[in-house]
Amino acid sequence: MVRPIIGITPDFNPGNRKDMGGKEPTYFLRARYLQAIQDAGGVPIVLPLVRGLAKQKYLLQRLDGLLVTGSGSDLAPELYGEKQRYPFQRMSEERAQLELGLSKLAFRQGLPTLGICGGMQSMNVALGGTLLQDISSQISTKIEHRPTKSATKTAHMIHIEPNSLLQRIAKRLSIAVNSSHHQSIKSVPSAFQVTGIAPDGVIEAIEASRHPFWLGVQWHPEFLYRHDAIQKRLFTALIQSARQFAASRT
């Protein structure tokens, strides 16, 4: 059976951090992302931070699917038309440009794409969506979206939209998810649908019904999939769609 090639976006320290390489420009990425893709039947490839749509398009032509990963830093608010209101660490410009560029191209090309946490937010902003810069400062909620407990534990439930891609994967209308984010989606572009919502109204999943496989989730299934069949199916579904995409090009 064909093992599709899945490109994975890395995090990047351009040389201005105290951690993750310090003054030495350094790529870094949790091994969990790569292992989840391997366990689902794919071949994970960590992507280089190439700039420019022409180079990014060339890169995507070598892939059967895309995984846009989460990050501890934030997209610059200027990318979605706002000024920075809270003193959180910004994502490196190099990573932001890669994720936004690849997301635009992947959407246009119909490349199977899964976004996780900040990756979902990048997919949203790339096509014109906006973000809440800090959930606890901007909405009233009793849910701890950035709890201190381990990401291997679930934190709250979400409601899933019936007949959505996520509902077909989960085979349920509500599931328990972990949580490790202080930002969330505020608005989505017209091509997207909100298909997962937390009890406080925070958007937890988005997709595009006209795209073969375009799904973003706000939680971290890579921490849960080994003991949670629903989370495992998220990666399996990506690989299945990527395998079909690869077959369509031969």
C-alpha atoms as a PDB file:
ATOM      1  CA  MET A   1       0.000   0.000   0.000  1.00  0.00           C
ATOM      2  CA  VAL A   2       1.240   3.470  -0.902  1.00  0.00           C
ATOM      3  CA  ARG A   3       2.569   5.489   2.020  1.00  0.00           C
ATOM      4  CA  PRO A   4       1.789   9.115   1.118  1.00  0.00           C
ATOM      5  CA  ILE A   5       4.295  11.879   1.795  1.00  0.00           C
ATOM      6  CA  ILE A   6       3.041  14.385   4.365  1.00  0.00           C
ATOM      7  CA  GLY A   7       4.828  17.702   4.751  1.00  0.00           C
ATOM      8  CA  ILE A   8       4.974  19.012   8.328  1.00  0.00           C
ATOM      9  CA  THR A   9       5.609  22.642   9.220  1.00  0.00           C
ATOM     10  CA  PRO A  10       8.335  23.151  11.849  1.00  0.00           C
ATOM     11  CA  ASP A  11       8.833  25.869  14.421  1.00  0.00           C
ATOM     12  CA  PHE A  12      11.810  28.169  14.014  1.00  0.00           C
ATOM     13  CA  ASN A  13      14.106  30.254  16.150  1.00  0.00           C
ATOM     14  CA  PRO A  14      15.820  32.841  13.914  1.00  0.00           C
ATOM     15  CA  GLY A  15      18.475  33.327  16.577  1.00  0.00           C
ATOM     16  CA  ASN A  16      16.784  35.723  18.973  1.00  0.00           C
ATOM     17  CA  ARG A  17      15.554  33.403  21.732  1.00  0.00           C
ATOM     18  CA  LYS A  18      16.969  32.245  25.042  1.00  0.00           C
ATOM     19  CA  ASP A  19      15.746  28.690  24.413  1.00  0.00           C
ATOM     20  CA  MET A  20      15.597  26.413  21.373  1.00  0.00           C
ATOM     21  CA  GLY A  21      19.100  27.111  20.112  1.00  0.00           C
ATOM     22  CA  GLY A  22      19.574  30.583  21.550  1.00  0.00           C
ATOM     23  CA  LYS A  23      21.502  32.742  19.089  1.00  0.00           C
ATOM     24  CA  GLU A  24      21.885  29.876  16.614  1.00  0.00           C
ATOM     25  CA  PRO A  25      19.063  29.735  14.003  1.00  0.00           C
ATOM     26  CA  THR A  26      17.295  26.461  14.796  1.00  0.00           C
ATOM     27  CA  TYR A  27      14.397  24.377  13.499  1.00  0.00           C
ATOM     28  CA  PHE A  28      12.452  22.477  16.167  1.00  0.00           C
ATOM     29  CA  LEU A  29       9.381  20.251  16.230  1.00  0.00           C
ATOM     30  CA  ARG A  30       7.761  17.760  18.595  1.00  0.00           C
ATOM     31  CA  ALA A  31       8.455  14.194  17.516  1.00  0.00           C
ATOM     32  CA  ARG A  32       4.807  13.367  18.310  1.00  0.00           C
ATOM     33  CA  TYR A  33       3.682  14.960  15.043  1.00  0.00           C
ATOM     34  CA  LEU A  34       5.990  12.801  12.953  1.00  0.00           C
ATOM     35  CA  GLN A  35       5.157   9.662  14.918  1.00  0.00           C
ATOM     36  CA  ALA A  36       1.416  10.206  14.498  1.00  0.00           C
ATOM     37  CA  ILE A  37       1.830  10.442  10.722  1.00  0.00           C
ATOM     38  CA  GLN A  38       4.036   7.340  10.630  1.00  0.00           C
ATOM     39  CA  ASP A  39       1.628   5.357  12.792  1.00  0.00           C
ATOM     40  CA  ALA A  40      -1.246   6.321  10.478  1.00  0.00           C
ATOM     41  CA  GLY A  41       0.622   5.026   7.431  1.00  0.00           C
ATOM     42  CA  GLY A  42       2.285   8.140   6.031  1.00  0.00           C
ATOM     43  CA  VAL A  43       5.853   9.297   5.491  1.00  0.00           C
ATOM     44  CA  PRO A  44       6.477  12.549   7.404  1.00  0.00           C
ATOM     45  CA  ILE A  45       8.789  15.180   5.922  1.00  0.00           C
ATOM     46  CA  VAL A  46       9.817  18.240   7.948  1.00  0.00           C
ATOM     47  CA  LEU A  47       9.526  21.187   5.586  1.00  0.00           C
ATOM     48  CA  PRO A  48      12.175  23.853   4.991  1.00  0.00           C
ATOM     49  CA  LEU A  49      11.198  27.474   5.542  1.00  0.00           C
ATOM     50  CA  VAL A  50      11.236  28.520   1.889  1.00  0.00           C
ATOM     51  CA  ARG A  51      10.001  31.999   1.018  1.00  0.00           C
ATOM     52  CA  GLY A  52       8.005  33.060  -2.015  1.00  0.00           C
ATOM     53  CA  LEU A  53       4.936  31.445  -3.540  1.00  0.00           C
ATOM     54  CA  ALA A  54       6.873  30.027  -6.504  1.00  0.00           C
ATOM     55  CA  LYS A  55       9.222  28.038  -4.253  1.00  0.00           C
ATOM     56  CA  GLN A  56       6.374  27.049  -1.950  1.00  0.00           C
ATOM     57  CA  LYS A  57       4.328  25.831  -4.906  1.00  0.00           C
ATOM     58  CA  TYR A  58       7.290  23.744  -6.081  1.00  0.00           C
ATOM     59  CA  LEU A  59       7.556  22.276  -2.586  1.00  0.00           C
ATOM     60  CA  LEU A  60       3.861  21.345  -2.424  1.00  0.00           C
ATOM     61  CA  GLN A  61       4.087  19.549  -5.758  1.00  0.00           C
ATOM     62  CA  ARG A  62       6.248  16.961  -3.981  1.00  0.00           C
ATOM     63  CA  LEU A  63       3.684  16.328  -1.234  1.00  0.00           C
ATOM     64  CA  ASP A  64       0.535  14.240  -0.947  1.00  0.00           C
ATOM     65  CA  GLY A  65      -0.707  15.998   2.180  1.00  0.00           C
ATOM     66  CA  LEU A  66       0.104  18.771   4.638  1.00  0.00           C
ATOM     67  CA  LEU A  67       0.131  18.976   8.438  1.00  0.00           C
ATOM     68  CA  VAL A  68       0.236  22.541   9.791  1.00  0.00           C
ATOM     69  CA  THR A  69       1.421  22.205  13.372  1.00  0.00           C
ATOM     70  CA  GLY A  70       0.808  24.074  16.611  1.00  0.00           C
ATOM     71  CA  SER A  71       3.157  26.578  18.193  1.00  0.00           C
ATOM     72  CA  GLY A  72       3.691  28.303  21.513  1.00  0.00           C
ATOM     73  CA  SER A  73       3.950  31.675  19.781  1.00  0.00           C
ATOM     74  CA  ASP A  74       1.353  33.830  18.041  1.00  0.00           C
ATOM     75  CA  LEU A  75       0.819  35.066  14.510  1.00  0.00           C
ATOM     76  CA  ALA A  76       1.466  38.814  14.279  1.00  0.00           C
ATOM     77  CA  PRO A  77      -1.962  40.505  14.639  1.00  0.00           C
ATOM     78  CA  GLU A  78      -1.096  42.770  11.704  1.00  0.00           C
ATOM     79  CA  LEU A  79      -1.537  39.700   9.486  1.00  0.00           C
ATOM     80  CA  TYR A  80      -5.273  39.789  10.208  1.00  0.00           C
ATOM     81  CA  GLY A  81      -5.721  43.543  10.368  1.00  0.00           C
ATOM     82  CA  GLU A  82      -5.222  44.269  14.073  1.00  0.00           C
ATOM     83  CA  LYS A  83      -2.617  45.812  16.352  1.00  0.00           C
ATOM     84  CA  GLN A  84      -1.030  43.741  19.104  1.00  0.00           C
ATOM     85  CA  ARG A  85      -3.008  44.187  22.325  1.00  0.00           C
ATOM     86  CA  TYR A  86      -1.310  41.711  24.654  1.00  0.00           C
ATOM     87  CA  PRO A  87       2.399  40.979  25.369  1.00  0.00           C
ATOM     88  CA  PHE A  88       2.701  37.435  24.024  1.00  0.00           C
ATOM     89  CA  GLN A  89       5.573  35.994  22.017  1.00  0.00           C
ATOM     90  CA  ARG A  90       5.241  36.348  18.262  1.00  0.00           C
ATOM     91  CA  MET A  91       5.791  33.539  15.800  1.00  0.00           C
ATOM     92  CA  SER A  92       8.919  33.995  13.696  1.00  0.00           C
ATOM     93  CA  GLU A  93       8.279  35.775  10.410  1.00  0.00           C
ATOM     94  CA  GLU A  94       9.893  32.858   8.574  1.00  0.00           C
ATOM     95  CA  ARG A  95       7.453  30.320   9.979  1.00  0.00           C
ATOM     96  CA  ALA A  96       4.446  32.596   9.538  1.00  0.00           C
ATOM     97  CA  GLN A  97       5.238  33.225   5.875  1.00  0.00           C
ATOM     98  CA  LEU A  98       5.657  29.499   5.231  1.00  0.00           C
ATOM     99  CA  GLU A  99       2.413  28.481   6.925  1.00  0.00           C
ATOM    100  CA  LEU A 100       0.331  31.251   5.375  1.00  0.00           C
ATOM    101  CA  GLY A 101       1.765  30.667   1.916  1.00  0.00           C
ATOM    102  CA  LEU A 102       1.425  26.886   2.012  1.00  0.00           C
ATOM    103  CA  SER A 103      -2.102  27.115   3.404  1.00  0.00           C
ATOM    104  CA  LYS A 104      -3.213  29.351   0.524  1.00  0.00           C
ATOM    105  CA  LEU A 105      -1.656  27.089  -2.068  1.00  0.00           C
ATOM    106  CA  ALA A 106      -2.867  23.856  -0.471  1.00  0.00           C
ATOM    107  CA  PHE A 107      -6.415  25.181  -0.381  1.00  0.00           C
ATOM    108  CA  ARG A 108      -6.325  26.177  -4.049  1.00  0.00           C
ATOM    109  CA  GLN A 109      -4.727  22.901  -5.138  1.00  0.00           C
ATOM    110  CA  GLY A 110      -7.031  20.645  -3.133  1.00  0.00           C
ATOM    111  CA  LEU A 111      -4.113  19.197  -1.152  1.00  0.00           C
ATOM    112  CA  PRO A 112      -5.339  17.246   1.911  1.00  0.00           C
ATOM    113  CA  THR A 113      -4.516  19.441   4.906  1.00  0.00           C
ATOM    114  CA  LEU A 114      -4.848  19.052   8.662  1.00  0.00           C
ATOM    115  CA  GLY A 115      -4.142  21.986  10.976  1.00  0.00           C
ATOM    116  CA  ILE A 116      -3.536  21.557  14.701  1.00  0.00           C
ATOM    117  CA  CYS A 117      -3.990  24.351  17.264  1.00  0.00           C
ATOM    118  CA  GLY A 118      -1.955  27.298  15.932  1.00  0.00           C
ATOM    119  CA  GLY A 119      -1.856  25.509  12.585  1.00  0.00           C
ATOM    120  CA  MET A 120      -5.626  25.816  12.318  1.00  0.00           C
ATOM    121  CA  GLN A 121      -5.296  29.513  13.117  1.00  0.00           C
ATOM    122  CA  SER A 122      -2.729  29.932  10.327  1.00  0.00           C
ATOM    123  CA  MET A 123      -5.044  28.172   7.861  1.00  0.00           C
ATOM    124  CA  ASN A 124      -7.814  30.555   8.870  1.00  0.00           C
ATOM    125  CA  VAL A 125      -5.766  33.758   8.654  1.00  0.00           C
ATOM    126  CA  ALA A 126      -4.245  32.692   5.316  1.00  0.00           C
ATOM    127  CA  LEU A 127      -7.651  32.828   3.648  1.00  0.00           C
ATOM    128  CA  GLY A 128      -8.855  36.011   5.366  1.00  0.00           C
ATOM    129  CA  GLY A 129     -10.060  34.940   8.826  1.00  0.00           C
ATOM    130  CA  THR A 130      -9.305  36.687  12.118  1.00  0.00           C
ATOM    131  CA  LEU A 131      -8.325  35.662  15.654  1.00  0.00           C
ATOM    132  CA  LEU A 132      -9.100  36.492  19.250  1.00  0.00           C
ATOM    133  CA  GLN A 133      -5.713  37.631  20.533  1.00  0.00           C
ATOM    134  CA  ASP A 134      -6.347  36.395  24.083  1.00  0.00           C
ATOM    135  CA  ILE A 135      -9.433  34.391  25.043  1.00  0.00           C
ATOM    136  CA  SER A 136      -9.448  35.150  28.762  1.00  0.00           C
ATOM    137  CA  SER A 137      -9.135  38.889  28.118  1.00  0.00           C
ATOM    138  CA  GLN A 138     -11.757  39.091  25.379  1.00  0.00           C
ATOM    139  CA  ILE A 139     -14.575  36.744  26.385  1.00  0.00           C
ATOM    140  CA  SER A 140     -16.139  35.607  29.641  1.00  0.00           C
ATOM    141  CA  THR A 141     -15.594  31.883  30.165  1.00  0.00           C
ATOM    142  CA  LYS A 142     -15.190  29.336  32.937  1.00  0.00           C
ATOM    143  CA  ILE A 143     -13.294  26.946  30.669  1.00  0.00           C
ATOM    144  CA  GLU A 144      -9.521  26.877  31.055  1.00  0.00           C
ATOM    145  CA  HIS A 145      -8.393  26.758  27.455  1.00  0.00           C
ATOM    146  CA  ARG A 146      -4.770  26.824  28.572  1.00  0.00           C
ATOM    147  CA  PRO A 147      -4.813  24.591  31.672  1.00  0.00           C
ATOM    148  CA  THR A 148      -1.671  23.692  33.551  1.00  0.00           C
ATOM    149  CA  LYS A 149      -2.349  19.941  33.497  1.00  0.00           C
ATOM    150  CA  SER A 150      -0.774  17.636  30.953  1.00  0.00           C
ATOM    151  CA  ALA A 151      -1.880  17.798  27.327  1.00  0.00           C
ATOM    152  CA  THR A 152      -2.319  14.021  27.470  1.00  0.00           C
ATOM    153  CA  LYS A 153      -5.489  14.626  29.526  1.00  0.00           C
ATOM    154  CA  THR A 154      -8.774  15.899  28.120  1.00  0.00           C
ATOM    155  CA  ALA A 155      -9.965  19.280  29.405  1.00  0.00           C
ATOM    156  CA  HIS A 156     -13.479  19.903  28.064  1.00  0.00           C
ATOM    157  CA  MET A 157     -16.126  18.724  25.606  1.00  0.00           C
ATOM    158  CA  ILE A 158     -16.886  20.158  22.181  1.00  0.00           C
ATOM    159  CA  HIS A 159     -20.027  19.998  20.054  1.00  0.00           C
ATOM    160  CA  ILE A 160     -19.580  18.787  16.470  1.00  0.00           C
ATOM    161  CA  GLU A 161     -21.730  19.971  13.575  1.00  0.00           C
ATOM    162  CA  PRO A 162     -23.834  17.122  12.108  1.00  0.00           C
ATOM    163  CA  ASN A 163     -22.892  15.842   8.630  1.00  0.00           C
ATOM    164  CA  SER A 164     -19.504  17.560   8.748  1.00  0.00           C
ATOM    165  CA  LEU A 165     -16.177  15.955   7.882  1.00  0.00           C
ATOM    166  CA  LEU A 166     -15.269  16.026  11.564  1.00  0.00           C
ATOM    167  CA  GLN A 167     -18.523  14.295  12.493  1.00  0.00           C
ATOM    168  CA  ARG A 168     -17.915  11.578   9.907  1.00  0.00           C
ATOM    169  CA  ILE A 169     -14.448  11.000  11.361  1.00  0.00           C
ATOM    170  CA  ALA A 170     -15.478  11.144  15.024  1.00  0.00           C
ATOM    171  CA  LYS A 171     -18.796   9.310  14.453  1.00  0.00           C
ATOM    172  CA  ARG A 172     -20.190  11.392  17.322  1.00  0.00           C
ATOM    173  CA  LEU A 173     -21.726  14.805  17.903  1.00  0.00           C
ATOM    174  CA  SER A 174     -19.621  15.564  20.975  1.00  0.00           C
ATOM    175  CA  ILE A 175     -16.141  14.534  22.052  1.00  0.00           C
ATOM    176  CA  ALA A 176     -13.663  15.311  24.824  1.00  0.00           C
ATOM    177  CA  VAL A 177     -10.530  17.205  23.805  1.00  0.00           C
ATOM    178  CA  ASN A 178      -7.370  18.473  25.429  1.00  0.00           C
ATOM    179  CA  SER A 179      -6.587  22.179  25.397  1.00  0.00           C
ATOM    180  CA  SER A 180      -3.423  24.273  25.244  1.00  0.00           C
ATOM    181  CA  HIS A 181      -4.129  27.652  23.665  1.00  0.00           C
ATOM    182  CA  HIS A 182      -4.810  31.239  24.683  1.00  0.00           C
ATOM    183  CA  GLN A 183      -5.964  32.398  21.239  1.00  0.00           C
ATOM    184  CA  SER A 184      -8.825  31.208  19.060  1.00  0.00           C
ATOM    185  CA  ILE A 185     -10.566  31.967  15.801  1.00  0.00           C
ATOM    186  CA  LYS A 186     -12.794  35.049  15.831  1.00  0.00           C
ATOM    187  CA  SER A 187     -14.146  34.952  12.263  1.00  0.00           C
ATOM    188  CA  VAL A 188     -13.776  32.548   9.346  1.00  0.00           C
ATOM    189  CA  PRO A 189     -13.629  33.291   5.610  1.00  0.00           C
ATOM    190  CA  SER A 190     -16.727  32.563   3.533  1.00  0.00           C
ATOM    191  CA  ALA A 191     -15.259  29.325   2.145  1.00  0.00           C
ATOM    192  CA  PHE A 192     -14.945  27.799   5.637  1.00  0.00           C
ATOM    193  CA  GLN A 193     -17.465  26.289   8.023  1.00  0.00           C
ATOM    194  CA  VAL A 194     -17.227  26.163  11.812  1.00  0.00           C
ATOM    195  CA  THR A 195     -17.828  22.510  12.724  1.00  0.00           C
ATOM    196  CA  GLY A 196     -16.599  22.260  16.321  1.00  0.00           C
ATOM    197  CA  ILE A 197     -17.516  24.559  19.221  1.00  0.00           C
ATOM    198  CA  ALA A 198     -16.687  24.531  22.941  1.00  0.00           C
ATOM    199  CA  PRO A 199     -19.501  25.127  25.481  1.00  0.00           C
ATOM    200  CA  ASP A 200     -18.400  28.765  25.860  1.00  0.00           C
ATOM    201  CA  GLY A 201     -18.632  29.395  22.112  1.00  0.00           C
ATOM    202  CA  VAL A 202     -14.912  29.187  21.350  1.00  0.00           C
ATOM    203  CA  ILE A 203     -14.338  27.777  17.863  1.00  0.00           C
ATOM    204  CA  GLU A 204     -12.647  24.375  18.074  1.00  0.00           C
ATOM    205  CA  ALA A 205     -12.793  23.089  14.481  1.00  0.00           C
ATOM    206  CA  ILE A 206     -13.108  24.453  10.958  1.00  0.00           C
ATOM    207  CA  GLU A 207     -13.327  22.853   7.542  1.00  0.00           C
ATOM    208  CA  ALA A 208     -14.161  23.609   3.910  1.00  0.00           C
ATOM    209  CA  SER A 209     -16.923  21.463   2.441  1.00  0.00           C
ATOM    210  CA  ARG A 210     -15.798  22.055  -1.164  1.00  0.00           C
ATOM    211  CA  HIS A 211     -12.272  20.838  -0.421  1.00  0.00           C
ATOM    212  CA  PRO A 212     -11.494  17.071  -0.405  1.00  0.00           C
ATOM    213  CA  PHE A 213      -9.879  17.257   3.056  1.00  0.00           C
ATOM    214  CA  TRP A 214      -9.405  20.616   4.724  1.00  0.00           C
ATOM    215  CA  LEU A 215      -9.714  20.351   8.490  1.00  0.00           C
ATOM    216  CA  GLY A 216      -8.412  22.392  11.398  1.00  0.00           C
ATOM    217  CA  VAL A 217      -8.730  21.459  15.067  1.00  0.00           C
ATOM    218  CA  GLN A 218      -7.876  23.667  18.039  1.00  0.00           C
ATOM    219  CA  TRP A 219      -6.797  20.797  20.297  1.00  0.00           C
ATOM    220  CA  HIS A 220      -3.741  18.528  20.111  1.00  0.00           C
ATOM    221  CA  PRO A 221      -4.673  15.019  18.858  1.00  0.00           C
ATOM    222  CA  GLU A 222      -0.982  14.058  18.658  1.00  0.00           C
ATOM    223  CA  PHE A 223      -1.006  13.826  22.466  1.00  0.00           C
ATOM    224  CA  LEU A 224      -4.142  11.660  22.565  1.00  0.00           C
ATOM    225  CA  TYR A 225      -4.217   9.358  19.537  1.00  0.00           C
ATOM    226  CA  ARG A 226      -2.407   6.408  21.114  1.00  0.00           C
ATOM    227  CA  HIS A 227      -5.194   5.842  23.625  1.00  0.00           C
ATOM    228  CA  ASP A 228      -8.130   7.596  21.916  1.00  0.00           C
ATOM    229  CA  ALA A 229      -9.538   5.997  18.762  1.00  0.00           C
ATOM    230  CA  ILE A 230     -11.315   9.179  17.673  1.00  0.00           C
ATOM    231  CA  GLN A 231      -8.100  11.197  17.731  1.00  0.00           C
ATOM    232  CA  LYS A 232      -6.303   8.408  15.882  1.00  0.00           C
ATOM    233  CA  ARG A 233      -8.918   8.562  13.120  1.00  0.00           C
ATOM    234  CA  LEU A 234      -8.046  12.223  12.462  1.00  0.00           C
ATOM    235  CA  PHE A 235      -4.594  11.166  11.298  1.00  0.00           C
ATOM    236  CA  THR A 236      -5.885   8.056   9.540  1.00  0.00           C
ATOM    237  CA  ALA A 237      -8.395  10.167   7.608  1.00  0.00           C
ATOM    238  CA  LEU A 238      -5.649  12.568   6.511  1.00  0.00           C
ATOM    239  CA  ILE A 239      -3.523   9.674   5.272  1.00  0.00           C
ATOM    240  CA  GLN A 240      -6.448   8.081   3.424  1.00  0.00           C
ATOM    241  CA  SER A 241      -7.222  11.354   1.663  1.00  0.00           C
ATOM    242  CA  ALA A 242      -3.529  11.913   0.874  1.00  0.00           C
ATOM    243  CA  ARG A 243      -3.324   8.416  -0.600  1.00  0.00           C
ATOM    244  CA  GLN A 244      -6.278   9.199  -2.876  1.00  0.00           C
ATOM    245  CA  PHE A 245      -4.699  12.521  -3.834  1.00  0.00           C
ATOM    246  CA  ALA A 246      -1.445  10.765  -4.748  1.00  0.00           C
ATOM    247  CA  ALA A 247      -3.311   8.207  -6.865  1.00  0.00           C
ATOM    248  CA  SER A 248      -5.146  10.961  -8.747  1.00  0.00           C
ATOM    249  CA  ARG A 249      -1.826  12.412  -9.950  1.00  0.00           C
ATOM    250  CA  THR A 250      -0.457   9.173 -11.423  1.00  0.00           C
END
